[in-house]
């Protein structure tokens, strides 16, 4: 996965420091956002369902709070895992009681593939081939799961914004996705999301199915949402790591 740099990176490992991207916590704040029908925070999670029902209405999906919504806000390009996401979602829509929301643009063949999903499952899928920051925020606030199956991802920011809004990420264990999402462990009841290692549609499908099963345990799911929302991905945290790095150089 080093694209020719593996040897160099391992040889110079002691000289490398990884620092995460930060999130603008003023802009991406579910408690104060003007773009949400119903603002909420970790202490008022019961209000969050209003955003889910409003999102379903806005996108023309049946309003049902009990049905899990899986969402993706992404560029439809090879890097983002679009080629494995498409068959997995199609299978899930055919065999599982769920809804799927996609917001994004990109390569023509991927846009067409997801357009057909929207056409084939009009009651279960809403496909928006466009970019809209306000809509993306309503998707973060109204969905239950956020999928990022990236082929490679130096850091990624979507999974961090999703957690800030209480949407549980489902990611591939690569790059910054592995660094920011702690896989759920049912034995210790810890974790902030779900992950899979290999780059294939079947493994992602099994992970989404597992997450969907846990979703129906509302107490467990609420605990996971609270842990996700408590994570600090602010620029303040990342900036402090830069300062610490500069101090160590001096």
C-alpha atoms as a PDB file:
ATOM      1  CA  UNK A   1       0.000   0.000   0.000  1.00  0.00           C
ATOM      2  CA  UNK A   2       2.969   2.366  -0.018  1.00  0.00           C
ATOM      3  CA  UNK A   3       2.845   2.905  -3.797  1.00  0.00           C
ATOM      4  CA  UNK A   4       6.612   2.476  -4.119  1.00  0.00           C
ATOM      5  CA  UNK A   5       7.460   4.310  -0.899  1.00  0.00           C
ATOM      6  CA  UNK A   6       7.162   1.311   1.444  1.00  0.00           C
ATOM      7  CA  UNK A   7      10.893   0.771   1.835  1.00  0.00           C
ATOM      8  CA  UNK A   8      11.686   4.424   2.399  1.00  0.00           C
ATOM      9  CA  UNK A   9       8.852   4.930   4.874  1.00  0.00           C
ATOM     10  CA  UNK A  10       9.863   1.907   6.950  1.00  0.00           C
ATOM     11  CA  UNK A  11      13.532   2.900   6.893  1.00  0.00           C
ATOM     12  CA  UNK A  12      12.685   6.394   8.153  1.00  0.00           C
ATOM     13  CA  UNK A  13       9.883   5.361  10.510  1.00  0.00           C
ATOM     14  CA  UNK A  14      11.503   7.072  13.496  1.00  0.00           C
ATOM     15  CA  UNK A  15      11.342  10.388  11.627  1.00  0.00           C
ATOM     16  CA  UNK A  16       7.639  10.213  10.805  1.00  0.00           C
ATOM     17  CA  UNK A  17       4.796  11.718  12.814  1.00  0.00           C
ATOM     18  CA  UNK A  18       1.116  11.380  11.919  1.00  0.00           C
ATOM     19  CA  UNK A  19      -1.312  14.164  12.807  1.00  0.00           C
ATOM     20  CA  UNK A  20      -5.011  13.952  11.981  1.00  0.00           C
ATOM     21  CA  UNK A  21      -7.060  16.489  10.072  1.00  0.00           C
ATOM     22  CA  UNK A  22      -9.260  18.662  12.238  1.00  0.00           C
ATOM     23  CA  UNK A  23     -12.950  19.494  12.053  1.00  0.00           C
ATOM     24  CA  UNK A  24     -14.251  23.052  12.256  1.00  0.00           C
ATOM     25  CA  UNK A  25     -16.376  22.460  15.346  1.00  0.00           C
ATOM     26  CA  UNK A  26     -18.098  25.830  15.016  1.00  0.00           C
ATOM     27  CA  UNK A  27     -19.296  25.075  11.498  1.00  0.00           C
ATOM     28  CA  UNK A  28     -20.099  21.403  12.111  1.00  0.00           C
ATOM     29  CA  UNK A  29     -22.112  21.604  15.303  1.00  0.00           C
ATOM     30  CA  UNK A  30     -25.451  19.770  15.624  1.00  0.00           C
ATOM     31  CA  UNK A  31     -26.411  21.896  18.612  1.00  0.00           C
ATOM     32  CA  UNK A  32     -26.242  25.253  16.818  1.00  0.00           C
ATOM     33  CA  UNK A  33     -26.575  24.541  13.078  1.00  0.00           C
ATOM     34  CA  UNK A  34     -29.088  26.614  11.134  1.00  0.00           C
ATOM     35  CA  UNK A  35     -29.273  23.896   8.475  1.00  0.00           C
ATOM     36  CA  UNK A  36     -30.950  21.298  10.706  1.00  0.00           C
ATOM     37  CA  UNK A  37     -34.705  21.050  11.285  1.00  0.00           C
ATOM     38  CA  UNK A  38     -33.988  20.075  14.897  1.00  0.00           C
ATOM     39  CA  UNK A  39     -30.691  20.963  16.613  1.00  0.00           C
ATOM     40  CA  UNK A  40     -29.501  18.469  19.252  1.00  0.00           C
ATOM     41  CA  UNK A  41     -26.490  17.463  21.302  1.00  0.00           C
ATOM     42  CA  UNK A  42     -25.268  14.421  23.195  1.00  0.00           C
ATOM     43  CA  UNK A  43     -27.583  15.266  26.092  1.00  0.00           C
ATOM     44  CA  UNK A  44     -30.691  15.542  23.887  1.00  0.00           C
ATOM     45  CA  UNK A  45     -30.326  12.589  21.519  1.00  0.00           C
ATOM     46  CA  UNK A  46     -34.074  11.968  21.671  1.00  0.00           C
ATOM     47  CA  UNK A  47     -34.488  15.065  19.461  1.00  0.00           C
ATOM     48  CA  UNK A  48     -32.293  13.590  16.726  1.00  0.00           C
ATOM     49  CA  UNK A  49     -35.088  11.446  15.286  1.00  0.00           C
ATOM     50  CA  UNK A  50     -36.794  14.614  14.007  1.00  0.00           C
ATOM     51  CA  UNK A  51     -33.862  15.132  11.648  1.00  0.00           C
ATOM     52  CA  UNK A  52     -34.206  11.569  10.391  1.00  0.00           C
ATOM     53  CA  UNK A  53     -37.907  11.962   9.637  1.00  0.00           C
ATOM     54  CA  UNK A  54     -37.275  15.339   7.990  1.00  0.00           C
ATOM     55  CA  UNK A  55     -34.486  13.870   5.850  1.00  0.00           C
ATOM     56  CA  UNK A  56     -36.744  11.039   4.686  1.00  0.00           C
ATOM     57  CA  UNK A  57     -39.445  13.550   3.769  1.00  0.00           C
ATOM     58  CA  UNK A  58     -36.989  15.823   1.951  1.00  0.00           C
ATOM     59  CA  UNK A  59     -35.590  12.948  -0.111  1.00  0.00           C
ATOM     60  CA  UNK A  60     -38.939  11.324  -0.878  1.00  0.00           C
ATOM     61  CA  UNK A  61     -38.408   8.223   1.248  1.00  0.00           C
ATOM     62  CA  UNK A  62     -41.079   6.667   3.477  1.00  0.00           C
ATOM     63  CA  UNK A  63     -40.947   8.248   6.934  1.00  0.00           C
ATOM     64  CA  UNK A  64     -40.120   5.456   9.354  1.00  0.00           C
ATOM     65  CA  UNK A  65     -37.861   6.054  12.343  1.00  0.00           C
ATOM     66  CA  UNK A  66     -37.308   2.314  12.873  1.00  0.00           C
ATOM     67  CA  UNK A  67     -35.701   1.688   9.469  1.00  0.00           C
ATOM     68  CA  UNK A  68     -31.910   2.192   9.473  1.00  0.00           C
ATOM     69  CA  UNK A  69     -30.550   4.748   7.014  1.00  0.00           C
ATOM     70  CA  UNK A  70     -27.102   4.040   5.563  1.00  0.00           C
ATOM     71  CA  UNK A  71     -25.540   7.136   3.998  1.00  0.00           C
ATOM     72  CA  UNK A  72     -22.569   8.086   1.868  1.00  0.00           C
ATOM     73  CA  UNK A  73     -21.328  11.598   1.141  1.00  0.00           C
ATOM     74  CA  UNK A  74     -18.439  11.098  -1.239  1.00  0.00           C
ATOM     75  CA  UNK A  75     -16.683  11.701  -4.507  1.00  0.00           C
ATOM     76  CA  UNK A  76     -17.641   8.883  -6.861  1.00  0.00           C
ATOM     77  CA  UNK A  77     -14.086   7.925  -7.793  1.00  0.00           C
ATOM     78  CA  UNK A  78     -11.911   4.824  -7.490  1.00  0.00           C
ATOM     79  CA  UNK A  79     -10.105   6.047  -4.342  1.00  0.00           C
ATOM     80  CA  UNK A  80     -13.320   6.178  -2.317  1.00  0.00           C
ATOM     81  CA  UNK A  81     -14.225   2.512  -2.823  1.00  0.00           C
ATOM     82  CA  UNK A  82     -17.148   3.234  -5.088  1.00  0.00           C
ATOM     83  CA  UNK A  83     -16.703   0.032  -7.068  1.00  0.00           C
ATOM     84  CA  UNK A  84     -17.273  -2.177  -4.001  1.00  0.00           C
ATOM     85  CA  UNK A  85     -19.924   0.044  -2.438  1.00  0.00           C
ATOM     86  CA  UNK A  86     -22.309  -0.220  -5.387  1.00  0.00           C
ATOM     87  CA  UNK A  87     -22.796  -4.045  -5.423  1.00  0.00           C
ATOM     88  CA  UNK A  88     -22.930  -4.244  -1.615  1.00  0.00           C
ATOM     89  CA  UNK A  89     -25.652  -1.598  -1.361  1.00  0.00           C
ATOM     90  CA  UNK A  90     -27.663  -3.142  -4.177  1.00  0.00           C
ATOM     91  CA  UNK A  91     -27.599  -6.508  -2.389  1.00  0.00           C
ATOM     92  CA  UNK A  92     -28.593  -4.904   0.926  1.00  0.00           C
ATOM     93  CA  UNK A  93     -31.526  -3.071  -0.640  1.00  0.00           C
ATOM     94  CA  UNK A  94     -32.727  -6.303  -2.246  1.00  0.00           C
ATOM     95  CA  UNK A  95     -32.562  -8.378   0.934  1.00  0.00           C
ATOM     96  CA  UNK A  96     -32.671  -6.045   3.950  1.00  0.00           C
ATOM     97  CA  UNK A  97     -35.141  -3.591   5.401  1.00  0.00           C
ATOM     98  CA  UNK A  98     -33.041  -0.438   5.115  1.00  0.00           C
ATOM     99  CA  UNK A  99     -32.763   2.873   3.299  1.00  0.00           C
ATOM    100  CA  UNK A 100     -29.745   4.283   1.470  1.00  0.00           C
ATOM    101  CA  UNK A 101     -28.837   7.904   0.819  1.00  0.00           C
ATOM    102  CA  UNK A 102     -26.005   9.033  -1.464  1.00  0.00           C
ATOM    103  CA  UNK A 103     -24.761  12.571  -2.081  1.00  0.00           C
ATOM    104  CA  UNK A 104     -21.886  13.097  -4.492  1.00  0.00           C
ATOM    105  CA  UNK A 105     -20.552  13.398  -8.013  1.00  0.00           C
ATOM    106  CA  UNK A 106     -17.669  11.852  -9.897  1.00  0.00           C
ATOM    107  CA  UNK A 107     -16.883   9.367 -12.639  1.00  0.00           C
ATOM    108  CA  UNK A 108     -19.684   8.879 -15.135  1.00  0.00           C
ATOM    109  CA  UNK A 109     -19.871   5.097 -14.803  1.00  0.00           C
ATOM    110  CA  UNK A 110     -20.307   5.339 -11.023  1.00  0.00           C
ATOM    111  CA  UNK A 111     -22.898   8.081 -11.291  1.00  0.00           C
ATOM    112  CA  UNK A 112     -24.858   5.864 -13.684  1.00  0.00           C
ATOM    113  CA  UNK A 113     -24.547   2.804 -11.436  1.00  0.00           C
ATOM    114  CA  UNK A 114     -26.006   4.652  -8.459  1.00  0.00           C
ATOM    115  CA  UNK A 115     -28.618   6.411 -10.597  1.00  0.00           C
ATOM    116  CA  UNK A 116     -29.923   2.950 -11.485  1.00  0.00           C
ATOM    117  CA  UNK A 117     -30.037   2.012  -7.798  1.00  0.00           C
ATOM    118  CA  UNK A 118     -32.253   5.029  -7.192  1.00  0.00           C
ATOM    119  CA  UNK A 119     -34.452   4.060 -10.120  1.00  0.00           C
ATOM    120  CA  UNK A 120     -34.700   0.382  -9.108  1.00  0.00           C
ATOM    121  CA  UNK A 121     -35.427   1.104  -5.427  1.00  0.00           C
ATOM    122  CA  UNK A 122     -37.422   4.358  -5.360  1.00  0.00           C
ATOM    123  CA  UNK A 123     -38.915   3.532  -1.934  1.00  0.00           C
ATOM    124  CA  UNK A 124     -35.572   2.635  -0.360  1.00  0.00           C
ATOM    125  CA  UNK A 125     -32.840   4.731  -2.004  1.00  0.00           C
ATOM    126  CA  UNK A 126     -32.325   8.449  -2.594  1.00  0.00           C
ATOM    127  CA  UNK A 127     -29.459   9.288  -4.958  1.00  0.00           C
ATOM    128  CA  UNK A 128     -28.398  12.934  -5.240  1.00  0.00           C
ATOM    129  CA  UNK A 129     -25.708  13.372  -7.908  1.00  0.00           C
ATOM    130  CA  UNK A 130     -24.728  16.853  -6.797  1.00  0.00           C
ATOM    131  CA  UNK A 131     -22.812  18.750  -4.117  1.00  0.00           C
ATOM    132  CA  UNK A 132     -24.622  20.591  -1.355  1.00  0.00           C
ATOM    133  CA  UNK A 133     -23.008  21.334   2.001  1.00  0.00           C
ATOM    134  CA  UNK A 134     -26.338  22.062   3.757  1.00  0.00           C
ATOM    135  CA  UNK A 135     -27.804  18.786   2.473  1.00  0.00           C
ATOM    136  CA  UNK A 136     -24.678  16.921   3.514  1.00  0.00           C
ATOM    137  CA  UNK A 137     -25.153  18.227   7.045  1.00  0.00           C
ATOM    138  CA  UNK A 138     -28.780  17.097   7.109  1.00  0.00           C
ATOM    139  CA  UNK A 139     -27.588  13.671   5.939  1.00  0.00           C
ATOM    140  CA  UNK A 140     -24.996  13.525   8.741  1.00  0.00           C
ATOM    141  CA  UNK A 141     -27.674  14.489  11.274  1.00  0.00           C
ATOM    142  CA  UNK A 142     -30.475  12.275   9.961  1.00  0.00           C
ATOM    143  CA  UNK A 143     -28.726   9.032   9.000  1.00  0.00           C
ATOM    144  CA  UNK A 144     -27.864   6.122  11.268  1.00  0.00           C
ATOM    145  CA  UNK A 145     -24.718   4.803   9.581  1.00  0.00           C
ATOM    146  CA  UNK A 146     -22.099   6.463   7.394  1.00  0.00           C
ATOM    147  CA  UNK A 147     -20.084   4.267   5.044  1.00  0.00           C
ATOM    148  CA  UNK A 148     -16.520   4.994   3.822  1.00  0.00           C
ATOM    149  CA  UNK A 149     -14.992   1.948   2.056  1.00  0.00           C
ATOM    150  CA  UNK A 150     -11.905   3.785   0.760  1.00  0.00           C
ATOM    151  CA  UNK A 151      -9.190   2.061  -1.240  1.00  0.00           C
ATOM    152  CA  UNK A 152      -6.764   4.484   0.418  1.00  0.00           C
ATOM    153  CA  UNK A 153      -7.436   7.412   2.738  1.00  0.00           C
ATOM    154  CA  UNK A 154      -4.580   9.496   4.208  1.00  0.00           C
ATOM    155  CA  UNK A 155      -6.940  10.830   6.874  1.00  0.00           C
ATOM    156  CA  UNK A 156     -10.504  11.491   5.769  1.00  0.00           C
ATOM    157  CA  UNK A 157     -12.907  13.901   7.391  1.00  0.00           C
ATOM    158  CA  UNK A 158     -16.367  12.504   6.615  1.00  0.00           C
ATOM    159  CA  UNK A 159     -16.139   9.814   9.278  1.00  0.00           C
ATOM    160  CA  UNK A 160     -15.176  12.416  11.883  1.00  0.00           C
ATOM    161  CA  UNK A 161     -18.058  14.726  10.991  1.00  0.00           C
ATOM    162  CA  UNK A 162     -20.436  11.750  11.029  1.00  0.00           C
ATOM    163  CA  UNK A 163     -19.397  10.823  14.567  1.00  0.00           C
ATOM    164  CA  UNK A 164     -19.865  14.423  15.682  1.00  0.00           C
ATOM    165  CA  UNK A 165     -23.510  14.125  14.567  1.00  0.00           C
ATOM    166  CA  UNK A 166     -24.060  10.725  16.165  1.00  0.00           C
ATOM    167  CA  UNK A 167     -23.949   8.782  12.893  1.00  0.00           C
ATOM    168  CA  UNK A 168     -21.986   5.546  13.287  1.00  0.00           C
ATOM    169  CA  UNK A 169     -19.194   5.104  10.703  1.00  0.00           C
ATOM    170  CA  UNK A 170     -18.585   1.904   8.756  1.00  0.00           C
ATOM    171  CA  UNK A 171     -15.086   2.136   7.319  1.00  0.00           C
ATOM    172  CA  UNK A 172     -12.308   0.140   5.760  1.00  0.00           C
ATOM    173  CA  UNK A 173      -9.282  -0.279   8.021  1.00  0.00           C
ATOM    174  CA  UNK A 174      -6.943   1.923   6.031  1.00  0.00           C
ATOM    175  CA  UNK A 175      -5.056   5.153   6.725  1.00  0.00           C
ATOM    176  CA  UNK A 176      -6.849   7.718   8.821  1.00  0.00           C
ATOM    177  CA  UNK A 177     -10.037   5.666   8.888  1.00  0.00           C
ATOM    178  CA  UNK A 178      -8.266   3.087  11.009  1.00  0.00           C
ATOM    179  CA  UNK A 179      -6.794   5.849  13.180  1.00  0.00           C
ATOM    180  CA  UNK A 180     -10.118   7.526  13.954  1.00  0.00           C
ATOM    181  CA  UNK A 181     -12.733   4.754  14.169  1.00  0.00           C
ATOM    182  CA  UNK A 182     -12.553   2.227  17.009  1.00  0.00           C
ATOM    183  CA  UNK A 183     -14.329  -0.992  15.898  1.00  0.00           C
ATOM    184  CA  UNK A 184     -17.159  -2.088  18.170  1.00  0.00           C
ATOM    185  CA  UNK A 185     -16.314  -4.987  20.489  1.00  0.00           C
ATOM    186  CA  UNK A 186     -19.406  -6.746  21.778  1.00  0.00           C
ATOM    187  CA  UNK A 187     -17.457  -8.431  24.599  1.00  0.00           C
ATOM    188  CA  UNK A 188     -16.285  -5.166  26.135  1.00  0.00           C
ATOM    189  CA  UNK A 189     -19.103  -2.960  24.769  1.00  0.00           C
ATOM    190  CA  UNK A 190     -16.541  -0.470  23.467  1.00  0.00           C
ATOM    191  CA  UNK A 191     -16.077   1.206  20.115  1.00  0.00           C
ATOM    192  CA  UNK A 192     -17.304   4.084  17.969  1.00  0.00           C
ATOM    193  CA  UNK A 193     -18.069   2.293  14.698  1.00  0.00           C
ATOM    194  CA  UNK A 194     -17.507  -0.747  12.512  1.00  0.00           C
ATOM    195  CA  UNK A 195     -14.668  -1.667  10.167  1.00  0.00           C
ATOM    196  CA  UNK A 196     -13.468  -4.267   7.688  1.00  0.00           C
ATOM    197  CA  UNK A 197      -9.962  -5.011   6.457  1.00  0.00           C
ATOM    198  CA  UNK A 198     -10.008  -6.429   2.943  1.00  0.00           C
ATOM    199  CA  UNK A 199     -11.000  -4.453  -0.096  1.00  0.00           C
ATOM    200  CA  UNK A 200     -13.981  -6.424  -1.341  1.00  0.00           C
ATOM    201  CA  UNK A 201     -17.720  -5.953  -1.498  1.00  0.00           C
ATOM    202  CA  UNK A 202     -18.549  -9.129   0.435  1.00  0.00           C
ATOM    203  CA  UNK A 203     -16.591  -8.154   3.532  1.00  0.00           C
ATOM    204  CA  UNK A 204     -18.145  -4.703   3.488  1.00  0.00           C
ATOM    205  CA  UNK A 205     -21.587  -6.234   3.035  1.00  0.00           C
ATOM    206  CA  UNK A 206     -21.113  -8.480   6.084  1.00  0.00           C
ATOM    207  CA  UNK A 207     -19.975  -5.468   8.127  1.00  0.00           C
ATOM    208  CA  UNK A 208     -22.997  -3.377   7.153  1.00  0.00           C
ATOM    209  CA  UNK A 209     -25.283  -6.310   7.974  1.00  0.00           C
ATOM    210  CA  UNK A 210     -23.642  -6.702  11.399  1.00  0.00           C
ATOM    211  CA  UNK A 211     -24.060  -2.995  12.091  1.00  0.00           C
ATOM    212  CA  UNK A 212     -27.709  -3.151  11.012  1.00  0.00           C
ATOM    213  CA  UNK A 213     -28.304  -5.984  13.492  1.00  0.00           C
ATOM    214  CA  UNK A 214     -26.773  -3.991  16.342  1.00  0.00           C
ATOM    215  CA  UNK A 215     -28.851  -0.969  15.331  1.00  0.00           C
ATOM    216  CA  UNK A 216     -32.011  -2.607  16.618  1.00  0.00           C
ATOM    217  CA  UNK A 217     -30.543  -2.806  20.144  1.00  0.00           C
ATOM    218  CA  UNK A 218     -31.395   0.809  20.959  1.00  0.00           C
ATOM    219  CA  UNK A 219     -29.578   0.961  24.296  1.00  0.00           C
ATOM    220  CA  UNK A 220     -26.373  -0.404  22.784  1.00  0.00           C
ATOM    221  CA  UNK A 221     -26.673   1.917  19.787  1.00  0.00           C
ATOM    222  CA  UNK A 222     -27.235   4.962  21.976  1.00  0.00           C
ATOM    223  CA  UNK A 223     -24.118   4.170  24.001  1.00  0.00           C
ATOM    224  CA  UNK A 224     -22.112   3.940  20.786  1.00  0.00           C
ATOM    225  CA  UNK A 225     -23.533   7.253  19.552  1.00  0.00           C
ATOM    226  CA  UNK A 226     -22.547   8.944  22.809  1.00  0.00           C
ATOM    227  CA  UNK A 227     -18.997   7.616  22.568  1.00  0.00           C
ATOM    228  CA  UNK A 228     -18.725   8.760  18.957  1.00  0.00           C
ATOM    229  CA  UNK A 229     -20.027  12.247  19.728  1.00  0.00           C
ATOM    230  CA  UNK A 230     -17.607  12.580  22.661  1.00  0.00           C
ATOM    231  CA  UNK A 231     -14.538  12.212  20.409  1.00  0.00           C
ATOM    232  CA  UNK A 232     -12.473  15.382  20.008  1.00  0.00           C
ATOM    233  CA  UNK A 233     -11.536  15.851  16.360  1.00  0.00           C
ATOM    234  CA  UNK A 234     -11.247  19.632  16.624  1.00  0.00           C
ATOM    235  CA  UNK A 235      -8.423  21.621  15.093  1.00  0.00           C
ATOM    236  CA  UNK A 236      -7.518  22.601  18.654  1.00  0.00           C
ATOM    237  CA  UNK A 237      -6.534  18.998  19.362  1.00  0.00           C
ATOM    238  CA  UNK A 238      -4.584  18.650  16.101  1.00  0.00           C
ATOM    239  CA  UNK A 239      -2.911  22.054  16.524  1.00  0.00           C
ATOM    240  CA  UNK A 240      -1.685  21.041  19.972  1.00  0.00           C
ATOM    241  CA  UNK A 241       0.019  18.017  18.411  1.00  0.00           C
ATOM    242  CA  UNK A 242       1.749  20.278  15.891  1.00  0.00           C
ATOM    243  CA  UNK A 243       2.967  22.499  18.746  1.00  0.00           C
ATOM    244  CA  UNK A 244       4.230  19.459  20.636  1.00  0.00           C
ATOM    245  CA  UNK A 245       6.068  18.304  17.516  1.00  0.00           C
ATOM    246  CA  UNK A 246       7.729  21.703  17.046  1.00  0.00           C
ATOM    247  CA  UNK A 247       8.744  21.735  20.713  1.00  0.00           C
ATOM    248  CA  UNK A 248      10.348  18.311  20.352  1.00  0.00           C
ATOM    249  CA  UNK A 249      12.399  19.569  17.394  1.00  0.00           C
ATOM    250  CA  UNK A 250      13.735  22.436  19.477  1.00  0.00           C
END
